[in-house]
Protein backbone atom coordinates (compact mmCIF):
# COMPACT_ATOMS: atom_id res chain seq x y z
CA MET A 1 0.00 0.00 0.00
CA SER A 2 1.39 3.44 -0.89
CA TRP A 3 1.88 6.07 1.78
CA ASN A 4 -1.39 7.76 2.79
CA PRO A 5 -1.18 11.54 2.22
CA LEU A 6 -3.11 12.14 5.44
CA LEU A 7 0.13 11.27 7.22
CA ASP A 8 1.98 14.10 5.52
CA HIS A 9 -0.46 17.01 5.32
CA SER A 10 1.34 18.80 8.16
CA ILE A 11 4.00 17.74 10.63
CA PRO A 12 3.84 20.05 13.64
CA LEU A 13 7.10 19.99 15.59
CA GLY A 14 5.56 21.24 18.81
CA ASP A 15 8.84 22.74 20.03
CA ALA A 16 7.14 25.81 21.47
CA VAL A 17 4.56 23.88 23.48
CA ASP A 18 5.04 21.27 26.16
CA ALA A 19 2.32 18.90 24.99
CA ILE A 20 3.47 15.91 27.05
CA GLU A 21 1.19 15.34 30.02
CA THR A 22 3.11 12.46 31.62
CA VAL A 23 6.32 10.48 31.11
CA ILE A 24 6.21 6.96 32.52
CA VAL A 25 9.36 4.94 33.22
CA PRO A 26 8.44 1.22 33.29
CA ARG A 27 9.26 -0.94 36.30
CA ALA A 28 11.61 -3.80 35.42
CA ARG A 29 11.04 -7.30 36.77
CA ASP A 30 13.37 -10.28 36.32
CA LEU A 31 11.44 -13.51 35.76
CA GLY A 32 14.54 -15.68 35.83
CA GLY A 33 16.58 -14.79 32.77
CA PHE A 34 13.61 -13.05 31.20
CA GLU A 35 12.95 -9.38 31.90
CA VAL A 36 9.56 -7.71 31.74
CA ARG A 37 9.11 -3.92 31.82
CA ARG A 38 5.68 -2.73 33.01
CA ALA A 39 4.53 0.76 32.01
CA LEU A 40 0.83 0.40 32.94
CA PRO A 41 -0.66 0.60 35.44
CA SER A 42 1.65 3.18 37.02
CA ALA A 43 1.58 5.75 39.79
CA GLN A 44 1.01 8.45 37.16
CA ARG A 45 -1.64 6.68 35.10
CA GLN A 46 -3.89 3.67 35.55
CA MET A 47 -5.00 3.67 31.91
CA VAL A 48 -4.33 5.25 28.52
CA GLY A 49 -7.65 4.90 26.73
CA PRO A 50 -8.70 1.30 27.48
CA PHE A 51 -5.09 0.13 27.96
CA ILE A 52 -4.76 -0.80 31.64
CA PHE A 53 -1.74 -3.10 31.42
CA PHE A 54 1.32 -2.67 29.21
CA ASP A 55 4.27 -5.07 29.44
CA GLN A 56 7.38 -5.20 27.29
CA MET A 57 8.59 -8.80 27.13
CA GLY A 58 12.34 -9.02 26.51
CA PRO A 59 14.23 -8.88 24.27
CA ALA A 60 15.44 -12.20 25.61
CA GLU A 61 17.60 -15.01 24.25
CA PHE A 62 16.96 -18.55 25.47
CA LEU A 63 19.43 -21.43 25.40
CA THR A 64 18.49 -24.87 24.10
CA GLY A 65 15.84 -26.38 26.36
CA GLN A 66 14.73 -23.03 27.78
CA GLY A 67 11.64 -20.88 27.14
CA ILE A 68 8.57 -19.39 28.75
CA ASP A 69 6.07 -21.66 30.46
CA VAL A 70 3.05 -19.78 31.83
CA ARG A 71 0.60 -22.34 33.25
CA PRO A 72 -3.18 -21.91 32.84
CA HIS A 73 -4.50 -18.91 34.74
CA PRO A 74 -7.78 -16.92 34.72
CA HIS A 75 -8.88 -13.47 33.54
CA ILE A 76 -12.07 -11.40 33.83
CA GLY A 77 -13.13 -7.95 32.64
CA LEU A 78 -10.41 -7.41 30.04
CA ALA A 79 -9.11 -8.33 26.61
CA THR A 80 -5.48 -9.39 26.21
CA VAL A 81 -3.54 -8.27 23.13
CA THR A 82 -0.31 -10.14 22.36
CA TYR A 83 1.98 -8.68 19.70
CA LEU A 84 5.44 -10.09 18.95
CA TYR A 85 8.50 -8.71 17.16
CA LYS A 86 10.56 -11.88 17.55
CA GLY A 87 9.85 -15.48 18.56
CA ARG A 88 6.67 -17.53 18.89
CA ILE A 89 4.23 -18.31 21.73
CA HIS A 90 1.80 -21.22 21.96
CA HIS A 91 -1.62 -20.03 23.18
CA ARG A 92 -4.25 -22.41 24.57
CA ASP A 93 -7.47 -21.39 26.29
CA SER A 94 -10.64 -22.74 27.87
CA LEU A 95 -12.61 -22.11 24.66
CA GLY A 96 -10.52 -24.84 23.05
CA THR A 97 -8.31 -22.41 21.11
CA ASP A 98 -4.90 -23.83 20.18
CA ALA A 99 -2.85 -21.27 18.24
CA TRP A 100 0.72 -20.12 17.72
CA ILE A 101 1.42 -16.39 17.82
CA ALA A 102 4.08 -15.26 15.32
CA PRO A 103 5.68 -11.82 14.81
CA GLY A 104 3.21 -9.27 13.45
CA ASP A 105 0.13 -11.36 14.28
CA VAL A 106 -2.54 -10.07 16.67
CA ASN A 107 -4.00 -12.30 19.37
CA LEU A 108 -7.07 -10.70 20.96
CA MET A 109 -8.50 -12.78 23.79
CA THR A 110 -11.62 -11.28 25.39
CA ALA A 111 -12.10 -12.59 28.92
CA GLY A 112 -15.52 -11.08 29.63
CA ILE A 113 -17.12 -13.04 32.49
CA GLY A 114 -14.15 -15.41 32.59
CA ILE A 115 -11.54 -17.33 30.61
CA THR A 116 -8.46 -19.42 31.36
CA HIS A 117 -5.37 -19.63 29.15
CA SER A 118 -1.74 -20.71 29.03
CA GLU A 119 1.27 -19.29 27.19
CA ARG A 120 4.14 -21.63 26.47
CA GLN A 121 7.10 -22.35 24.21
CA ASP A 122 6.91 -26.07 23.58
CA GLN A 123 9.68 -28.60 23.08
CA ASP A 124 9.85 -28.21 19.30
CA LEU A 125 10.83 -24.56 19.77
CA ARG A 126 13.30 -25.41 22.54
CA GLN A 127 15.41 -27.75 20.39
CA GLY A 128 17.84 -24.90 19.78
CA PRO A 129 18.57 -21.34 20.93
CA HIS A 130 15.72 -18.89 20.27
CA GLY A 131 14.64 -15.37 21.14
CA LEU A 132 11.52 -13.55 22.29
CA PHE A 133 10.60 -9.87 22.07
CA GLY A 134 7.12 -8.40 22.18
CA LEU A 135 4.36 -6.63 24.02
CA GLN A 136 1.44 -7.91 26.03
CA THR A 137 -1.31 -5.45 26.88
CA TRP A 138 -4.72 -5.60 28.51
CA LEU A 139 -7.73 -3.58 27.41
CA ALA A 140 -10.25 -2.88 30.16
CA LEU A 141 -13.76 -3.75 29.02
CA PRO A 142 -16.59 -1.19 29.29
CA LYS A 143 -19.10 -1.92 32.06
CA SER A 144 -21.63 -3.00 29.43
CA HIS A 145 -19.26 -5.78 28.28
CA GLU A 146 -17.87 -7.09 31.57
CA ASP A 147 -20.31 -10.02 31.61
CA ASP A 148 -19.95 -10.90 27.92
CA PRO A 149 -19.03 -14.49 27.04
CA ALA A 150 -15.33 -15.10 26.47
CA ALA A 151 -14.07 -14.87 22.90
CA PHE A 152 -10.86 -15.22 20.90
CA SER A 153 -9.67 -13.86 17.56
CA HIS A 154 -6.37 -14.29 15.73
CA THR A 155 -5.38 -11.99 12.87
CA VAL A 156 -2.27 -12.78 10.83
CA ALA A 157 0.22 -10.05 10.05
CA GLY A 158 -0.65 -10.00 6.35
CA ASP A 159 -4.24 -8.95 7.07
CA LEU A 160 -3.28 -5.74 8.91
CA PRO A 161 -3.08 -2.40 7.03
CA VAL A 162 0.51 -1.27 6.42
CA LEU A 163 1.30 2.29 5.29
CA GLN A 164 4.76 3.06 3.94
CA GLY A 165 6.63 6.01 2.49
CA GLU A 166 9.09 8.82 3.17
CA GLY A 167 11.00 6.90 5.82
CA LYS A 168 7.95 5.72 7.75
CA GLU A 169 6.18 2.41 8.12
CA VAL A 170 3.00 1.98 10.16
CA ARG A 171 1.24 -1.32 10.87
CA LEU A 172 -2.24 -0.55 12.22
CA ILE A 173 -3.02 -3.20 14.84
CA LEU A 174 -6.28 -1.92 16.36
CA GLY A 175 -8.63 0.92 15.54
CA GLN A 176 -8.74 3.60 12.86
CA ALA A 177 -6.07 6.18 11.95
CA TRP A 178 -4.49 7.90 8.96
CA GLY A 179 -7.45 6.93 6.78
CA GLU A 180 -7.16 3.18 7.44
CA ARG A 181 -8.93 0.75 9.76
CA ALA A 182 -7.62 -2.47 11.30
CA PRO A 183 -9.84 -5.55 10.87
CA VAL A 184 -9.73 -6.52 14.56
CA ALA A 185 -12.95 -5.68 16.46
CA THR A 186 -12.71 -4.22 20.00
CA ALA A 187 -15.32 -3.49 22.67
CA SER A 188 -14.51 0.25 22.78
CA ASP A 189 -12.70 2.87 20.71
CA THR A 190 -9.08 1.66 20.67
CA LEU A 191 -5.93 2.77 18.84
CA TYR A 192 -2.80 0.63 18.58
CA ALA A 193 -0.09 0.96 15.92
CA ASP A 194 3.45 -0.30 15.32
CA ILE A 195 5.58 2.55 13.91
CA THR A 196 9.07 2.29 12.40
CA LEU A 197 10.93 5.50 11.49
CA ASP A 198 14.11 5.83 9.44
CA PRO A 199 16.81 8.17 10.77
CA PHE A 200 15.36 11.70 11.25
CA ALA A 201 11.97 10.74 9.77
CA ALA A 202 8.92 12.32 11.47
CA ILE A 203 5.28 11.34 11.80
CA PRO A 204 2.23 13.28 13.03
CA LEU A 205 0.08 11.42 15.53
CA PRO A 206 -3.71 11.25 15.06
CA ASP A 207 -5.35 14.14 16.92
CA ASP A 208 -8.93 12.81 16.81
CA THR A 209 -8.34 10.15 19.47
CA GLU A 210 -9.30 11.16 23.01
CA ASP A 211 -6.39 9.52 24.86
CA ARG A 212 -2.97 8.88 23.29
CA GLY A 213 0.35 7.48 24.41
CA LEU A 214 3.62 6.64 22.67
CA TYR A 215 6.02 3.95 23.85
CA VAL A 216 9.66 4.04 22.69
CA LEU A 217 11.01 0.57 21.92
CA LYS A 218 14.20 1.28 19.99
CA GLY A 219 16.26 4.34 19.08
CA GLU A 220 15.56 7.86 20.24
CA VAL A 221 12.62 10.10 19.42
CA THR A 222 12.10 13.85 19.75
CA VAL A 223 8.64 15.05 20.80
CA ALA A 224 7.84 18.67 21.65
CA GLY A 225 11.54 19.52 21.65
CA GLN A 226 12.50 16.79 24.13
CA VAL A 227 14.50 13.64 23.38
CA PHE A 228 13.35 10.30 24.79
CA GLU A 229 15.23 7.01 24.92
CA PRO A 230 13.87 3.45 24.81
CA GLY A 231 11.71 2.34 27.71
CA ARG A 232 9.69 5.54 28.03
CA MET A 233 5.93 5.97 27.65
CA LEU A 234 4.73 9.46 26.77
CA VAL A 235 1.11 10.42 27.42
CA PHE A 236 -0.33 13.46 25.63
CA ARG A 237 -3.10 15.94 26.27
CA PRO A 238 -6.30 15.39 24.26
CA GLY A 239 -6.53 17.33 21.01
CA ASP A 240 -2.94 18.61 20.88
CA ARG A 241 -1.18 18.27 17.54
CA ILE A 242 1.85 16.08 18.15
CA SER A 243 4.65 14.74 15.98
CA ALA A 244 7.50 12.37 16.73
CA ARG A 245 10.88 12.60 14.98
CA ALA A 246 13.46 9.80 15.06
CA GLY A 247 17.10 10.35 15.92
CA ALA A 248 20.19 9.37 13.95
CA THR A 249 19.60 5.62 14.26
CA GLY A 250 15.85 5.64 13.55
CA ALA A 251 13.17 4.52 16.01
CA ARG A 252 10.59 1.81 16.73
CA LEU A 253 7.47 3.09 18.52
CA MET A 254 4.09 1.82 19.68
CA LEU A 255 1.16 4.21 19.57
CA LEU A 256 -1.66 3.38 21.98
CA GLY A 257 -4.88 4.98 23.16
CA GLY A 258 -8.57 5.33 22.53
CA ALA A 259 -11.67 6.58 24.31
CA THR A 260 -11.39 7.20 28.04
CA MET A 261 -12.86 4.32 30.03
CA ASP A 262 -16.21 4.73 31.81
CA GLY A 263 -14.66 5.04 35.27
CA PRO A 264 -11.66 3.62 37.16
CA ARG A 265 -11.02 -0.09 37.46
CA HIS A 266 -10.06 -2.44 40.29
CA LEU A 267 -7.13 -4.77 39.60
CA TRP A 268 -6.18 -7.91 41.48
CA TRP A 269 -3.83 -10.50 40.05
CA ASN A 270 -5.21 -11.22 36.54
CA PHE A 271 -8.63 -9.71 37.19
CA VAL A 272 -9.95 -6.30 36.11
CA ALA A 273 -13.40 -5.08 37.17
CA SER A 274 -15.49 -1.99 37.78
CA SER A 275 -16.27 -3.12 41.34
CA LYS A 276 -14.56 -4.92 44.20
CA GLU A 277 -17.50 -7.31 44.39
CA ARG A 278 -16.75 -8.61 40.91
CA ILE A 279 -13.14 -9.22 41.90
CA GLU A 280 -14.14 -11.09 45.07
CA ALA A 281 -16.58 -13.30 43.17
CA ALA A 282 -13.88 -14.22 40.63
CA LYS A 283 -11.38 -14.99 43.41
CA GLU A 284 -13.77 -17.43 45.03
CA ALA A 285 -14.66 -19.06 41.71
CA TRP A 286 -11.00 -19.73 40.84
CA ARG A 287 -10.13 -20.96 44.32
CA ALA A 288 -13.11 -23.33 44.29
CA GLY A 289 -11.46 -25.25 41.44
CA ASP A 290 -14.70 -26.63 40.01
CA TRP A 291 -13.35 -27.09 36.48
CA MET A 292 -16.37 -29.06 35.26
CA HIS A 293 -19.30 -26.97 36.52
CA GLY A 294 -17.81 -23.73 37.90
CA ARG A 295 -17.21 -20.33 36.35
CA PHE A 296 -13.73 -21.22 35.09
CA ARG A 297 -12.61 -24.18 32.96
CA LEU A 298 -9.06 -25.29 32.20
CA PRO A 299 -7.89 -25.42 28.56
CA PRO A 300 -8.96 -28.86 27.28
CA ASN A 301 -5.50 -29.49 25.80
CA ASP A 302 -3.55 -28.06 28.78
CA ARG A 303 -5.40 -29.09 31.95
CA ASP A 304 -2.75 -30.98 33.94
CA GLU A 305 -1.66 -27.96 36.00
CA PHE A 306 -2.66 -24.37 36.76
CA ILE A 307 -1.51 -21.29 38.68
CA PRO A 308 -3.17 -21.02 42.10
CA ALA A 309 -4.57 -17.66 43.22
CA PRO A 310 -2.24 -15.60 45.44
CA ASP A 311 -2.97 -15.59 49.15
CA ARG A 312 -3.21 -11.82 49.41
């Protein structure tokens, strides 16, 4: 697809105006040779649009025989979005889904009233050294969708709109921007895009999205006259015209946002809800362990083990 002219109609530099509302520095956590950096939720922001959880996974390199092994665990009140730059992950869930996630694909798992899933790298992948680099995010569901049945959709990389030209490449993952729309349906207005910039290339960000953030993955980027390095999430004021310009080595960015959620959310472990009562009910349902008749089931092809609920 040729470059959309809507991306180039004007590139405001924003040097005279401090349009950045918040800068978030992710918290790093070592999971045993595998580092995760969490930008959301943070002390500064619980959400950016519907995004209530934002984890950078890696980059990590695994030796032969090693890999990630996340046992079945539950979710409510959210949709998970897994997006990889490198490596593969085997997804199984209580709906019976059995799918591999590859770089550029979009896995959208909607928990609704409740779902259980596992994320693993099986023995075939562990037969030699391999790497993993990607993002896992959660979208809080609107109150009207918290009790929806669980659902799963997988969109391959080739089905996502890609806009290219003048040193920019944008893969639109979720939502609508720059005259294009991603084919992945979400419960609320959501914007998510993978942006690659050549050295010194600039891109204007959509200004018709209520809440917007920009996460720097690689390289340096200048926004509103300030330079930001990798591992920074910038959150902008609604309606401001913003552009991002790459430094001398180019940049890889993730744009995220959407409509502001209909109120704050409670978070506990893997649960997101508009009320504490919903959280408590999900806790009890998981701890009950009634996999045949209860609220939660185990994935039919990965039911030999599961992660118990924390004590706290």
